[in-house]
Each structure stands twice: as C-alpha cells, then as structure tokens.
Amino acid sequence: MDDADDVDDRELITWWGLVVEAHARTGRLVTEDLGIDVALPGPWLEVLLRLLRSPERRLTMTRLANEVSLTSGGFTKFADRLVRAGLLERQACATDRRVTYVALTPEGVALAERAQERHAQALRRHFLGPLGAEDAATLARIVRRLRDASTARLAAGHGSAGQETAVPGDD
C-alpha cells in the first residue's frame, strides 16, 4: 500500500481497535442469539458449519485445522471431543492412507442445520441489519483481502507461521 506511511499511528491503532471491538461485540450478540439448544463451546460451531457447507459434509483434518486456525495436534484433540460427542466421525481416504477426513454424523448434521438457521437469523439482525447488504458485501471483500494477504505472509514465513492456536481448555 503506497499511502501506508501517511497514516498517523494513533489513527491506525484506532482503526484496528474498531475492527476488534466490532468483531467482539457483534460476535457476542450473535452467540447469545443462538440459544441454549445450539450453544456450542469454543470453535465447535465454526467446524460444524464449515463441514455442513462442504461437499459430502467432510473435509480433511489438515484443511479443517488450517481453516479454523488450530495446530494439527490441537485439532486432533479437538476432533476427538467432537467424535466422543457423536457429532463427527473420522473417515480414511480411499486413495491415500496418510489422509484422514472428518465428517458430520447424522446427529452432527441435525445440530449444524439448527445452528446454521439460528446463526443466519442472528447475522441478519446484528451484522446485516446495521450495515445493509451493500456495506456487508464491501466489508466481506475487504476482510477477505486482509485474510488472503495475512495467509500469504504467514505461508512465506513472516510472523508466527505454524504457530496457530492450540485447542482452548487443553492445559
């Protein structure tokens, strides 16, 4: 970005703070709207929704770990909990025995579908409502650009590449 040096440091920090605050507060409102029957700990909701939207409702463990920013070891422990809860099952890859898939069980599909419906309602109320469709789409394009740039920099060895988050609660 050519004009990056022209932005005042305090203004830059304020902009970032607004992004963080908006995400935290909107996320809290959306989570509260899900309701107790679909309230899920930690990143469970994100995993279930990603699998629900995936072909055959499954993804490789490696890809899913990367998408939810967990280490492969942390995601293995995390997946173990979802398997024990009856929401996921592991599936071997027919063509490469090094690859393991995680897939939604019928119970996982049912919970994910309820959660998706409530999640969409909450997002309409707390994200789309205040912004409108045009601004929400613009924000999504901007955030996607930031995510893609960050992903590329991490892949190139900048920052804390490979230092994704471990599973919360695994002390």
C-alpha atoms as a PDB file:
ATOM      1  CA  MET A   1       0.000   0.000   0.000  1.00  0.00           C
ATOM      2  CA  ASP A   2       1.610   3.260  -1.149  1.00  0.00           C
ATOM      3  CA  ASP A   3      -0.009   5.552   1.418  1.00  0.00           C
ATOM      4  CA  ALA A   4       0.647   3.354   4.473  1.00  0.00           C
ATOM      5  CA  ASP A   5       3.327   5.721   5.788  1.00  0.00           C
ATOM      6  CA  ASP A   6       0.943   8.691   5.539  1.00  0.00           C
ATOM      7  CA  VAL A   7      -1.441   7.313   8.177  1.00  0.00           C
ATOM      8  CA  ASP A   8      -0.967   8.640  11.700  1.00  0.00           C
ATOM      9  CA  ASP A   9      -0.014   5.870  14.168  1.00  0.00           C
ATOM     10  CA  ARG A  10      -2.799   6.759  16.593  1.00  0.00           C
ATOM     11  CA  GLU A  11      -5.371   6.786  13.802  1.00  0.00           C
ATOM     12  CA  LEU A  12      -4.122   3.412  12.570  1.00  0.00           C
ATOM     13  CA  ILE A  13      -4.401   1.921  16.062  1.00  0.00           C
ATOM     14  CA  THR A  14      -7.907   3.381  16.402  1.00  0.00           C
ATOM     15  CA  TRP A  15      -8.984   1.781  13.100  1.00  0.00           C
ATOM     16  CA  TRP A  16      -7.689  -1.603  14.211  1.00  0.00           C
ATOM     17  CA  GLY A  17      -9.309  -1.205  17.621  1.00  0.00           C
ATOM     18  CA  LEU A  18     -12.658  -0.538  15.955  1.00  0.00           C
ATOM     19  CA  VAL A  19     -12.320  -3.742  13.924  1.00  0.00           C
ATOM     20  CA  VAL A  20     -11.508  -5.751  17.056  1.00  0.00           C
ATOM     21  CA  GLU A  21     -14.310  -4.166  19.108  1.00  0.00           C
ATOM     22  CA  ALA A  22     -16.916  -4.582  16.362  1.00  0.00           C
ATOM     23  CA  HIS A  23     -15.986  -8.239  15.913  1.00  0.00           C
ATOM     24  CA  ALA A  24     -16.050  -8.957  19.647  1.00  0.00           C
ATOM     25  CA  ARG A  25     -19.345  -7.195  20.345  1.00  0.00           C
ATOM     26  CA  THR A  26     -21.159  -8.439  17.262  1.00  0.00           C
ATOM     27  CA  GLY A  27     -19.838 -11.946  17.889  1.00  0.00           C
ATOM     28  CA  ARG A  28     -21.169 -11.836  21.434  1.00  0.00           C
ATOM     29  CA  LEU A  29     -24.634 -10.765  20.260  1.00  0.00           C
ATOM     30  CA  VAL A  30     -24.698 -13.460  17.579  1.00  0.00           C
ATOM     31  CA  THR A  31     -23.605 -16.136  20.067  1.00  0.00           C
ATOM     32  CA  GLU A  32     -26.252 -15.076  22.586  1.00  0.00           C
ATOM     33  CA  ASP A  33     -28.917 -15.354  19.878  1.00  0.00           C
ATOM     34  CA  LEU A  34     -28.045 -18.975  19.086  1.00  0.00           C
ATOM     35  CA  GLY A  35     -29.922 -20.222  22.136  1.00  0.00           C
ATOM     36  CA  ILE A  36     -29.068 -22.909  24.632  1.00  0.00           C
ATOM     37  CA  ASP A  37     -30.075 -25.856  22.430  1.00  0.00           C
ATOM     38  CA  VAL A  38     -27.382 -24.966  19.895  1.00  0.00           C
ATOM     39  CA  ALA A  39     -24.901 -23.271  22.227  1.00  0.00           C
ATOM     40  CA  LEU A  40     -21.540 -24.839  21.436  1.00  0.00           C
ATOM     41  CA  PRO A  41     -18.215 -24.403  23.218  1.00  0.00           C
ATOM     42  CA  GLY A  42     -15.197 -22.821  21.558  1.00  0.00           C
ATOM     43  CA  PRO A  43     -14.844 -23.265  17.810  1.00  0.00           C
ATOM     44  CA  TRP A  44     -17.335 -26.179  17.604  1.00  0.00           C
ATOM     45  CA  LEU A  45     -19.902 -24.058  15.755  1.00  0.00           C
ATOM     46  CA  GLU A  46     -17.375 -22.938  13.160  1.00  0.00           C
ATOM     47  CA  VAL A  47     -16.264 -26.522  12.490  1.00  0.00           C
ATOM     48  CA  LEU A  48     -19.825 -27.845  12.217  1.00  0.00           C
ATOM     49  CA  LEU A  49     -20.880 -25.041   9.864  1.00  0.00           C
ATOM     50  CA  ARG A  50     -17.814 -25.451   7.646  1.00  0.00           C
ATOM     51  CA  LEU A  51     -18.467 -29.180   7.352  1.00  0.00           C
ATOM     52  CA  LEU A  52     -22.162 -28.606   6.654  1.00  0.00           C
ATOM     53  CA  ARG A  53     -21.228 -26.365   3.692  1.00  0.00           C
ATOM     54  CA  SER A  54     -18.570 -28.773   2.363  1.00  0.00           C
ATOM     55  CA  PRO A  55     -19.063 -31.400  -0.347  1.00  0.00           C
ATOM     56  CA  GLU A  56     -20.126 -34.687   1.246  1.00  0.00           C
ATOM     57  CA  ARG A  57     -20.116 -32.790   4.559  1.00  0.00           C
ATOM     58  CA  ARG A  58     -16.491 -33.700   5.146  1.00  0.00           C
ATOM     59  CA  LEU A  59     -13.008 -32.186   4.907  1.00  0.00           C
ATOM     60  CA  THR A  60      -9.502 -33.437   5.548  1.00  0.00           C
ATOM     61  CA  MET A  61      -8.311 -32.964   9.096  1.00  0.00           C
ATOM     62  CA  THR A  62      -5.392 -30.852   7.834  1.00  0.00           C
ATOM     63  CA  ARG A  63      -7.555 -28.492   5.806  1.00  0.00           C
ATOM     64  CA  LEU A  64     -10.121 -28.049   8.563  1.00  0.00           C
ATOM     65  CA  ALA A  65      -7.404 -27.429  11.166  1.00  0.00           C
ATOM     66  CA  ASN A  66      -5.946 -24.735   8.916  1.00  0.00           C
ATOM     67  CA  GLU A  67      -9.338 -23.139   8.240  1.00  0.00           C
ATOM     68  CA  VAL A  68     -10.112 -22.757  11.948  1.00  0.00           C
ATOM     69  CA  SER A  69      -6.517 -21.747  12.842  1.00  0.00           C
ATOM     70  CA  LEU A  70      -5.684 -24.711  15.047  1.00  0.00           C
ATOM     71  CA  THR A  71      -2.431 -26.666  15.028  1.00  0.00           C
ATOM     72  CA  SER A  72      -2.701 -30.176  13.623  1.00  0.00           C
ATOM     73  CA  GLY A  73      -2.077 -31.618  17.100  1.00  0.00           C
ATOM     74  CA  GLY A  74      -4.581 -29.253  18.671  1.00  0.00           C
ATOM     75  CA  PHE A  75      -7.153 -30.094  16.028  1.00  0.00           C
ATOM     76  CA  THR A  76      -6.666 -33.833  16.600  1.00  0.00           C
ATOM     77  CA  LYS A  77      -7.564 -33.378  20.283  1.00  0.00           C
ATOM     78  CA  PHE A  78     -10.422 -31.097  19.320  1.00  0.00           C
ATOM     79  CA  ALA A  79     -11.778 -33.612  16.786  1.00  0.00           C
ATOM     80  CA  ASP A  80     -11.548 -36.332  19.444  1.00  0.00           C
ATOM     81  CA  ARG A  81     -14.010 -34.352  21.571  1.00  0.00           C
ATOM     82  CA  LEU A  82     -16.427 -33.892  18.685  1.00  0.00           C
ATOM     83  CA  VAL A  83     -16.189 -37.610  17.866  1.00  0.00           C
ATOM     84  CA  ARG A  84     -16.888 -38.502  21.530  1.00  0.00           C
ATOM     85  CA  ALA A  85     -19.869 -36.124  21.451  1.00  0.00           C
ATOM     86  CA  GLY A  86     -21.225 -38.065  18.463  1.00  0.00           C
ATOM     87  CA  LEU A  87     -21.072 -35.075  16.103  1.00  0.00           C
ATOM     88  CA  LEU A  88     -18.152 -36.139  13.886  1.00  0.00           C
ATOM     89  CA  GLU A  89     -16.627 -39.340  12.608  1.00  0.00           C
ATOM     90  CA  ARG A  90     -13.215 -39.974  11.129  1.00  0.00           C
ATOM     91  CA  GLN A  91     -13.021 -41.479   7.648  1.00  0.00           C
ATOM     92  CA  ALA A  92      -9.963 -42.908   5.924  1.00  0.00           C
ATOM     93  CA  CYS A  93      -9.113 -41.681   2.442  1.00  0.00           C
ATOM     94  CA  ALA A  94      -9.579 -44.448  -0.127  1.00  0.00           C
ATOM     95  CA  THR A  95      -6.593 -43.322  -2.223  1.00  0.00           C
ATOM     96  CA  ASP A  96      -4.070 -42.035   0.344  1.00  0.00           C
ATOM     97  CA  ARG A  97      -3.799 -43.662   3.744  1.00  0.00           C
ATOM     98  CA  ARG A  98      -1.948 -40.612   5.114  1.00  0.00           C
ATOM     99  CA  VAL A  99      -5.143 -38.567   4.735  1.00  0.00           C
ATOM    100  CA  THR A 100      -7.958 -38.646   7.261  1.00  0.00           C
ATOM    101  CA  TYR A 101     -11.289 -36.941   6.789  1.00  0.00           C
ATOM    102  CA  VAL A 102     -13.685 -35.745   9.444  1.00  0.00           C
ATOM    103  CA  ALA A 103     -17.345 -35.892   8.519  1.00  0.00           C
ATOM    104  CA  LEU A 104     -20.574 -34.915  10.198  1.00  0.00           C
ATOM    105  CA  THR A 105     -22.602 -37.731  11.718  1.00  0.00           C
ATOM    106  CA  PRO A 106     -26.395 -37.615  11.349  1.00  0.00           C
ATOM    107  CA  GLU A 107     -26.528 -36.071  14.854  1.00  0.00           C
ATOM    108  CA  GLY A 108     -23.876 -33.552  13.790  1.00  0.00           C
ATOM    109  CA  VAL A 109     -25.856 -32.673  10.652  1.00  0.00           C
ATOM    110  CA  ALA A 110     -29.031 -32.107  12.688  1.00  0.00           C
ATOM    111  CA  LEU A 111     -27.248 -29.843  15.185  1.00  0.00           C
ATOM    112  CA  ALA A 112     -25.359 -27.990  12.436  1.00  0.00           C
ATOM    113  CA  GLU A 113     -28.570 -27.360  10.487  1.00  0.00           C
ATOM    114  CA  ARG A 114     -30.314 -25.930  13.579  1.00  0.00           C
ATOM    115  CA  ALA A 115     -27.250 -23.844  14.360  1.00  0.00           C
ATOM    116  CA  GLN A 116     -26.976 -22.607  10.770  1.00  0.00           C
ATOM    117  CA  GLU A 117     -30.584 -21.425  10.756  1.00  0.00           C
ATOM    118  CA  ARG A 118     -30.182 -19.577  14.062  1.00  0.00           C
ATOM    119  CA  HIS A 119     -26.762 -18.265  13.061  1.00  0.00           C
ATOM    120  CA  ALA A 120     -28.173 -16.784   9.839  1.00  0.00           C
ATOM    121  CA  GLN A 121     -31.038 -15.162  11.770  1.00  0.00           C
ATOM    122  CA  ALA A 122     -28.586 -13.670  14.265  1.00  0.00           C
ATOM    123  CA  LEU A 123     -26.294 -12.433  11.489  1.00  0.00           C
ATOM    124  CA  ARG A 124     -29.240 -10.801   9.725  1.00  0.00           C
ATOM    125  CA  ARG A 125     -30.114  -8.998  12.955  1.00  0.00           C
ATOM    126  CA  HIS A 126     -26.645  -7.999  14.208  1.00  0.00           C
ATOM    127  CA  PHE A 127     -24.483  -7.830  11.045  1.00  0.00           C
ATOM    128  CA  LEU A 128     -26.677  -7.288   8.003  1.00  0.00           C
ATOM    129  CA  GLY A 129     -29.221  -5.126   9.831  1.00  0.00           C
ATOM    130  CA  PRO A 130     -26.828  -2.345  10.863  1.00  0.00           C
ATOM    131  CA  LEU A 131     -24.777  -2.436   7.637  1.00  0.00           C
ATOM    132  CA  GLY A 132     -27.197  -3.319   4.863  1.00  0.00           C
ATOM    133  CA  ALA A 133     -26.370  -5.775   2.094  1.00  0.00           C
ATOM    134  CA  GLU A 134     -24.107  -3.455   0.087  1.00  0.00           C
ATOM    135  CA  ASP A 135     -21.871  -2.452   3.017  1.00  0.00           C
ATOM    136  CA  ALA A 136     -21.805  -6.029   4.343  1.00  0.00           C
ATOM    137  CA  ALA A 137     -20.610  -7.259   0.929  1.00  0.00           C
ATOM    138  CA  THR A 138     -17.991  -4.489   0.800  1.00  0.00           C
ATOM    139  CA  LEU A 139     -16.779  -5.401   4.284  1.00  0.00           C
ATOM    140  CA  ALA A 140     -16.586  -9.079   3.285  1.00  0.00           C
ATOM    141  CA  ARG A 141     -14.438  -8.187   0.249  1.00  0.00           C
ATOM    142  CA  ILE A 142     -12.115  -6.078   2.404  1.00  0.00           C
ATOM    143  CA  VAL A 143     -11.788  -8.706   5.128  1.00  0.00           C
ATOM    144  CA  ARG A 144     -11.184 -11.428   2.523  1.00  0.00           C
ATOM    145  CA  ARG A 145      -8.355  -9.318   1.058  1.00  0.00           C
ATOM    146  CA  LEU A 146      -6.829  -8.890   4.533  1.00  0.00           C
ATOM    147  CA  ARG A 147      -7.202 -12.613   5.294  1.00  0.00           C
ATOM    148  CA  ASP A 148      -5.606 -13.611   1.992  1.00  0.00           C
ATOM    149  CA  ALA A 149      -2.684 -11.195   2.458  1.00  0.00           C
ATOM    150  CA  SER A 150      -2.105 -12.459   6.003  1.00  0.00           C
ATOM    151  CA  THR A 151      -2.299 -16.078   4.856  1.00  0.00           C
ATOM    152  CA  ALA A 152       0.267 -15.423   2.124  1.00  0.00           C
ATOM    153  CA  ARG A 153       2.644 -13.662   4.518  1.00  0.00           C
ATOM    154  CA  LEU A 154       2.386 -16.464   7.068  1.00  0.00           C
ATOM    155  CA  ALA A 155       2.965 -19.069   4.362  1.00  0.00           C
ATOM    156  CA  ALA A 156       6.078 -17.134   3.291  1.00  0.00           C
ATOM    157  CA  GLY A 157       7.483 -17.389   6.813  1.00  0.00           C
ATOM    158  CA  HIS A 158       6.540 -13.977   8.191  1.00  0.00           C
ATOM    159  CA  GLY A 159       5.048 -13.614  11.633  1.00  0.00           C
ATOM    160  CA  SER A 160       4.260 -16.736  13.622  1.00  0.00           C
ATOM    161  CA  ALA A 161       3.750 -19.187  10.764  1.00  0.00           C
ATOM    162  CA  GLY A 162       2.850 -22.578  12.101  1.00  0.00           C
ATOM    163  CA  GLN A 163       2.012 -21.088  15.490  1.00  0.00           C
ATOM    164  CA  GLU A 164      -1.737 -21.416  15.194  1.00  0.00           C
ATOM    165  CA  THR A 165      -3.866 -21.609  18.259  1.00  0.00           C
ATOM    166  CA  ALA A 166      -3.958 -24.761  20.337  1.00  0.00           C
ATOM    167  CA  VAL A 167      -7.299 -26.062  21.497  1.00  0.00           C
ATOM    168  CA  PRO A 168      -8.704 -23.950  24.346  1.00  0.00           C
ATOM    169  CA  GLY A 169      -9.015 -25.893  27.574  1.00  0.00           C
ATOM    170  CA  ASP A 170      -6.158 -28.305  26.805  1.00  0.00           C
ATOM    171  CA  ASP A 171      -3.911 -27.295  29.676  1.00  0.00           C
END
